[in-house]
């Protein structure tokens, strides 16, 4: 068995969601969940089949993001894994819709941070065993940090 660390590729301001699903129907169901939950969403999605033709299935509303999703799927190559790149939405905008897709089993990460996928390989099989998301904490927030966090959430409209 070998463990590989695979860096995800994406444009800087884009969010990525990495997860696992279980059926070819995932591609169409994710498409429908995203376009009905967030009008004019820009995204690319790729899903790795684990049996049969073992193709990377894909969809999206933005060709550049779809290409990044496919590129990441090829690099990881884990059966039933999926890669969603969000261009003009945050994960918080679509997570409830994604989690309601019957085929989705696990979400490993939803982030705009640099992301590394940890993959276990045994002969012709590969599986995601975890992710490295962002960097180490530098400390514990103080009162001024709490105020800054609360102000920021109100500034961007997530709190009243």
C-alpha atoms as a PDB file:
ATOM      1  CA  UNK A   1       0.000   0.000   0.000  1.00  0.00           C
ATOM      2  CA  UNK A   2       1.117   3.531  -0.770  1.00  0.00           C
ATOM      3  CA  UNK A   3      -0.109   6.872   0.547  1.00  0.00           C
ATOM      4  CA  UNK A   4      -0.100   9.849  -1.802  1.00  0.00           C
ATOM      5  CA  UNK A   5      -0.634  13.534  -1.066  1.00  0.00           C
ATOM      6  CA  UNK A   6      -2.346  15.189  -4.024  1.00  0.00           C
ATOM      7  CA  UNK A   7      -2.647  18.974  -4.272  1.00  0.00           C
ATOM      8  CA  UNK A   8      -5.955  20.181  -5.662  1.00  0.00           C
ATOM      9  CA  UNK A   9      -5.767  22.720  -8.475  1.00  0.00           C
ATOM     10  CA  UNK A  10      -8.183  25.637  -8.746  1.00  0.00           C
ATOM     11  CA  UNK A  11      -8.307  29.351  -9.456  1.00  0.00           C
ATOM     12  CA  UNK A  12      -7.460  31.360  -6.329  1.00  0.00           C
ATOM     13  CA  UNK A  13     -10.917  32.740  -5.442  1.00  0.00           C
ATOM     14  CA  UNK A  14     -12.750  29.484  -6.172  1.00  0.00           C
ATOM     15  CA  UNK A  15     -14.117  27.090  -3.556  1.00  0.00           C
ATOM     16  CA  UNK A  16     -13.738  23.343  -3.895  1.00  0.00           C
ATOM     17  CA  UNK A  17     -15.875  20.578  -2.423  1.00  0.00           C
ATOM     18  CA  UNK A  18     -14.462  17.040  -2.357  1.00  0.00           C
ATOM     19  CA  UNK A  19     -16.613  14.088  -1.447  1.00  0.00           C
ATOM     20  CA  UNK A  20     -17.738  10.568  -2.174  1.00  0.00           C
ATOM     21  CA  UNK A  21     -20.937   9.384  -3.817  1.00  0.00           C
ATOM     22  CA  UNK A  22     -22.064   6.008  -5.090  1.00  0.00           C
ATOM     23  CA  UNK A  23     -23.932   6.016  -8.393  1.00  0.00           C
ATOM     24  CA  UNK A  24     -23.702   7.393 -11.941  1.00  0.00           C
ATOM     25  CA  UNK A  25     -26.965   9.302 -11.323  1.00  0.00           C
ATOM     26  CA  UNK A  26     -24.934  11.592  -9.003  1.00  0.00           C
ATOM     27  CA  UNK A  27     -23.854  13.824 -11.895  1.00  0.00           C
ATOM     28  CA  UNK A  28     -27.367  14.805 -12.961  1.00  0.00           C
ATOM     29  CA  UNK A  29     -28.710  15.031  -9.415  1.00  0.00           C
ATOM     30  CA  UNK A  30     -25.873  17.341  -8.309  1.00  0.00           C
ATOM     31  CA  UNK A  31     -26.444  19.517 -11.366  1.00  0.00           C
ATOM     32  CA  UNK A  32     -30.141  19.850 -10.542  1.00  0.00           C
ATOM     33  CA  UNK A  33     -29.476  20.495  -6.831  1.00  0.00           C
ATOM     34  CA  UNK A  34     -27.024  23.284  -7.612  1.00  0.00           C
ATOM     35  CA  UNK A  35     -28.941  25.129 -10.328  1.00  0.00           C
ATOM     36  CA  UNK A  36     -32.157  25.072  -8.316  1.00  0.00           C
ATOM     37  CA  UNK A  37     -30.525  26.206  -5.065  1.00  0.00           C
ATOM     38  CA  UNK A  38     -28.467  29.118  -6.407  1.00  0.00           C
ATOM     39  CA  UNK A  39     -29.602  31.049  -9.508  1.00  0.00           C
ATOM     40  CA  UNK A  40     -26.867  31.709 -12.097  1.00  0.00           C
ATOM     41  CA  UNK A  41     -24.378  29.504 -10.230  1.00  0.00           C
ATOM     42  CA  UNK A  42     -21.036  28.933 -11.941  1.00  0.00           C
ATOM     43  CA  UNK A  43     -19.604  25.506 -11.230  1.00  0.00           C
ATOM     44  CA  UNK A  44     -17.777  22.501 -12.589  1.00  0.00           C
ATOM     45  CA  UNK A  45     -18.343  18.955 -11.310  1.00  0.00           C
ATOM     46  CA  UNK A  46     -16.515  15.669 -11.951  1.00  0.00           C
ATOM     47  CA  UNK A  47     -17.320  12.198 -10.605  1.00  0.00           C
ATOM     48  CA  UNK A  48     -15.113   9.077 -10.866  1.00  0.00           C
ATOM     49  CA  UNK A  49     -16.962   5.869 -11.667  1.00  0.00           C
ATOM     50  CA  UNK A  50     -15.695   2.893  -9.650  1.00  0.00           C
ATOM     51  CA  UNK A  51     -16.813   0.085 -11.984  1.00  0.00           C
ATOM     52  CA  UNK A  52     -18.150  -0.528 -15.477  1.00  0.00           C
ATOM     53  CA  UNK A  53     -16.583   1.916 -17.949  1.00  0.00           C
ATOM     54  CA  UNK A  54     -14.814   3.711 -15.053  1.00  0.00           C
ATOM     55  CA  UNK A  55     -15.127   7.086 -16.712  1.00  0.00           C
ATOM     56  CA  UNK A  56     -14.858  10.523 -15.190  1.00  0.00           C
ATOM     57  CA  UNK A  57     -18.411  11.820 -15.575  1.00  0.00           C
ATOM     58  CA  UNK A  58     -18.872  15.592 -15.513  1.00  0.00           C
ATOM     59  CA  UNK A  59     -21.250  18.530 -15.768  1.00  0.00           C
ATOM     60  CA  UNK A  60     -21.332  22.212 -14.972  1.00  0.00           C
ATOM     61  CA  UNK A  61     -22.255  25.697 -16.014  1.00  0.00           C
ATOM     62  CA  UNK A  62     -18.678  26.974 -16.458  1.00  0.00           C
ATOM     63  CA  UNK A  63     -16.243  25.226 -18.820  1.00  0.00           C
ATOM     64  CA  UNK A  64     -13.087  26.441 -17.026  1.00  0.00           C
ATOM     65  CA  UNK A  65     -14.332  25.170 -13.647  1.00  0.00           C
ATOM     66  CA  UNK A  66     -15.435  21.891 -15.239  1.00  0.00           C
ATOM     67  CA  UNK A  67     -11.905  21.412 -16.622  1.00  0.00           C
ATOM     68  CA  UNK A  68     -10.400  22.001 -13.159  1.00  0.00           C
ATOM     69  CA  UNK A  69     -12.860  19.472 -11.674  1.00  0.00           C
ATOM     70  CA  UNK A  70     -11.879  16.899 -14.302  1.00  0.00           C
ATOM     71  CA  UNK A  71      -8.148  17.599 -13.771  1.00  0.00           C
ATOM     72  CA  UNK A  72      -8.503  17.019 -10.005  1.00  0.00           C
ATOM     73  CA  UNK A  73     -10.552  13.866 -10.574  1.00  0.00           C
ATOM     74  CA  UNK A  74      -7.819  12.500 -12.856  1.00  0.00           C
ATOM     75  CA  UNK A  75      -5.099  13.296 -10.305  1.00  0.00           C
ATOM     76  CA  UNK A  76      -6.921  11.613  -7.402  1.00  0.00           C
ATOM     77  CA  UNK A  77      -8.482   8.783  -9.415  1.00  0.00           C
ATOM     78  CA  UNK A  78     -10.415   7.354  -6.476  1.00  0.00           C
ATOM     79  CA  UNK A  79     -13.578   5.425  -7.301  1.00  0.00           C
ATOM     80  CA  UNK A  80     -16.798   7.250  -6.453  1.00  0.00           C
ATOM     81  CA  UNK A  81     -14.966  10.458  -5.527  1.00  0.00           C
ATOM     82  CA  UNK A  82     -16.267  13.803  -6.730  1.00  0.00           C
ATOM     83  CA  UNK A  83     -14.855  17.282  -7.179  1.00  0.00           C
ATOM     84  CA  UNK A  84     -17.018  20.396  -7.286  1.00  0.00           C
ATOM     85  CA  UNK A  85     -15.573  23.834  -8.030  1.00  0.00           C
ATOM     86  CA  UNK A  86     -17.758  26.836  -7.189  1.00  0.00           C
ATOM     87  CA  UNK A  87     -17.055  30.093  -8.983  1.00  0.00           C
ATOM     88  CA  UNK A  88     -19.601  32.584  -7.704  1.00  0.00           C
ATOM     89  CA  UNK A  89     -21.005  30.800  -4.662  1.00  0.00           C
ATOM     90  CA  UNK A  90     -19.704  29.701  -1.302  1.00  0.00           C
ATOM     91  CA  UNK A  91     -20.139  26.149   0.019  1.00  0.00           C
ATOM     92  CA  UNK A  92     -22.537  27.521   2.657  1.00  0.00           C
ATOM     93  CA  UNK A  93     -24.862  28.505  -0.211  1.00  0.00           C
ATOM     94  CA  UNK A  94     -25.209  24.953  -1.523  1.00  0.00           C
ATOM     95  CA  UNK A  95     -24.302  22.470   1.253  1.00  0.00           C
ATOM     96  CA  UNK A  96     -27.902  21.716   2.269  1.00  0.00           C
ATOM     97  CA  UNK A  97     -28.788  21.014  -1.347  1.00  0.00           C
ATOM     98  CA  UNK A  98     -25.688  18.851  -1.842  1.00  0.00           C
ATOM     99  CA  UNK A  99     -26.338  16.889   1.340  1.00  0.00           C
ATOM    100  CA  UNK A 100     -29.885  16.196   0.151  1.00  0.00           C
ATOM    101  CA  UNK A 101     -28.599  14.381  -2.962  1.00  0.00           C
ATOM    102  CA  UNK A 102     -29.316  10.730  -2.192  1.00  0.00           C
ATOM    103  CA  UNK A 103     -26.109   9.459  -3.770  1.00  0.00           C
ATOM    104  CA  UNK A 104     -23.742  11.654  -1.748  1.00  0.00           C
ATOM    105  CA  UNK A 105     -22.170   9.700   1.109  1.00  0.00           C
ATOM    106  CA  UNK A 106     -19.412  11.930   2.481  1.00  0.00           C
ATOM    107  CA  UNK A 107     -18.099  15.454   2.153  1.00  0.00           C
ATOM    108  CA  UNK A 108     -14.360  15.497   2.947  1.00  0.00           C
ATOM    109  CA  UNK A 109     -13.826  19.232   2.467  1.00  0.00           C
ATOM    110  CA  UNK A 110     -15.531  22.432   1.350  1.00  0.00           C
ATOM    111  CA  UNK A 111     -12.983  25.252   1.231  1.00  0.00           C
ATOM    112  CA  UNK A 112     -11.263  28.012  -0.665  1.00  0.00           C
ATOM    113  CA  UNK A 113      -7.985  27.186   1.132  1.00  0.00           C
ATOM    114  CA  UNK A 114      -5.158  25.228  -0.456  1.00  0.00           C
ATOM    115  CA  UNK A 115      -6.329  21.613  -0.260  1.00  0.00           C
ATOM    116  CA  UNK A 116      -4.402  18.350  -0.269  1.00  0.00           C
ATOM    117  CA  UNK A 117      -6.224  15.038  -0.678  1.00  0.00           C
ATOM    118  CA  UNK A 118      -4.677  12.041   1.094  1.00  0.00           C
ATOM    119  CA  UNK A 119      -5.084   8.938  -1.061  1.00  0.00           C
ATOM    120  CA  UNK A 120      -4.378   5.306  -0.215  1.00  0.00           C
ATOM    121  CA  UNK A 121      -3.420   3.132  -3.179  1.00  0.00           C
ATOM    122  CA  UNK A 122      -3.374  -0.659  -3.333  1.00  0.00           C
ATOM    123  CA  UNK A 123      -2.640  -2.092  -6.768  1.00  0.00           C
ATOM    124  CA  UNK A 124      -5.447  -0.795  -9.044  1.00  0.00           C
ATOM    125  CA  UNK A 125      -7.590   0.593  -6.221  1.00  0.00           C
ATOM    126  CA  UNK A 126      -7.459   4.090  -4.734  1.00  0.00           C
ATOM    127  CA  UNK A 127      -9.408   5.637  -1.877  1.00  0.00           C
ATOM    128  CA  UNK A 128      -9.502   9.032  -0.194  1.00  0.00           C
ATOM    129  CA  UNK A 129      -8.588   8.665   3.477  1.00  0.00           C
ATOM    130  CA  UNK A 130      -8.632  12.336   4.390  1.00  0.00           C
ATOM    131  CA  UNK A 131      -7.704  15.880   3.477  1.00  0.00           C
ATOM    132  CA  UNK A 132      -5.321  18.615   4.592  1.00  0.00           C
ATOM    133  CA  UNK A 133      -7.265  21.891   4.536  1.00  0.00           C
ATOM    134  CA  UNK A 134      -5.484  25.216   5.047  1.00  0.00           C
ATOM    135  CA  UNK A 135      -2.773  25.808   7.627  1.00  0.00           C
ATOM    136  CA  UNK A 136      -2.136  25.428  11.381  1.00  0.00           C
ATOM    137  CA  UNK A 137      -3.826  27.850  13.833  1.00  0.00           C
ATOM    138  CA  UNK A 138      -1.607  30.709  15.005  1.00  0.00           C
ATOM    139  CA  UNK A 139      -3.406  31.328  18.305  1.00  0.00           C
ATOM    140  CA  UNK A 140      -6.775  31.716  20.034  1.00  0.00           C
ATOM    141  CA  UNK A 141      -9.071  34.625  19.194  1.00  0.00           C
ATOM    142  CA  UNK A 142      -9.200  37.532  21.625  1.00  0.00           C
ATOM    143  CA  UNK A 143     -12.003  40.029  22.208  1.00  0.00           C
ATOM    144  CA  UNK A 144     -10.939  42.224  19.263  1.00  0.00           C
ATOM    145  CA  UNK A 145     -10.861  39.115  17.011  1.00  0.00           C
ATOM    146  CA  UNK A 146     -14.370  38.142  18.143  1.00  0.00           C
ATOM    147  CA  UNK A 147     -15.625  41.633  17.309  1.00  0.00           C
ATOM    148  CA  UNK A 148     -13.880  41.522  13.926  1.00  0.00           C
ATOM    149  CA  UNK A 149     -15.464  38.093  13.153  1.00  0.00           C
ATOM    150  CA  UNK A 150     -18.941  39.283  14.116  1.00  0.00           C
ATOM    151  CA  UNK A 151     -18.562  42.537  12.154  1.00  0.00           C
ATOM    152  CA  UNK A 152     -17.366  40.660   9.084  1.00  0.00           C
ATOM    153  CA  UNK A 153     -20.345  38.267   9.128  1.00  0.00           C
ATOM    154  CA  UNK A 154     -22.707  41.233   9.278  1.00  0.00           C
ATOM    155  CA  UNK A 155     -20.827  43.117   6.562  1.00  0.00           C
ATOM    156  CA  UNK A 156     -21.217  40.246   4.099  1.00  0.00           C
ATOM    157  CA  UNK A 157     -24.863  39.688   5.042  1.00  0.00           C
ATOM    158  CA  UNK A 158     -24.672  36.342   6.823  1.00  0.00           C
ATOM    159  CA  UNK A 159     -25.826  37.808  10.158  1.00  0.00           C
ATOM    160  CA  UNK A 160     -28.215  40.637  10.905  1.00  0.00           C
END
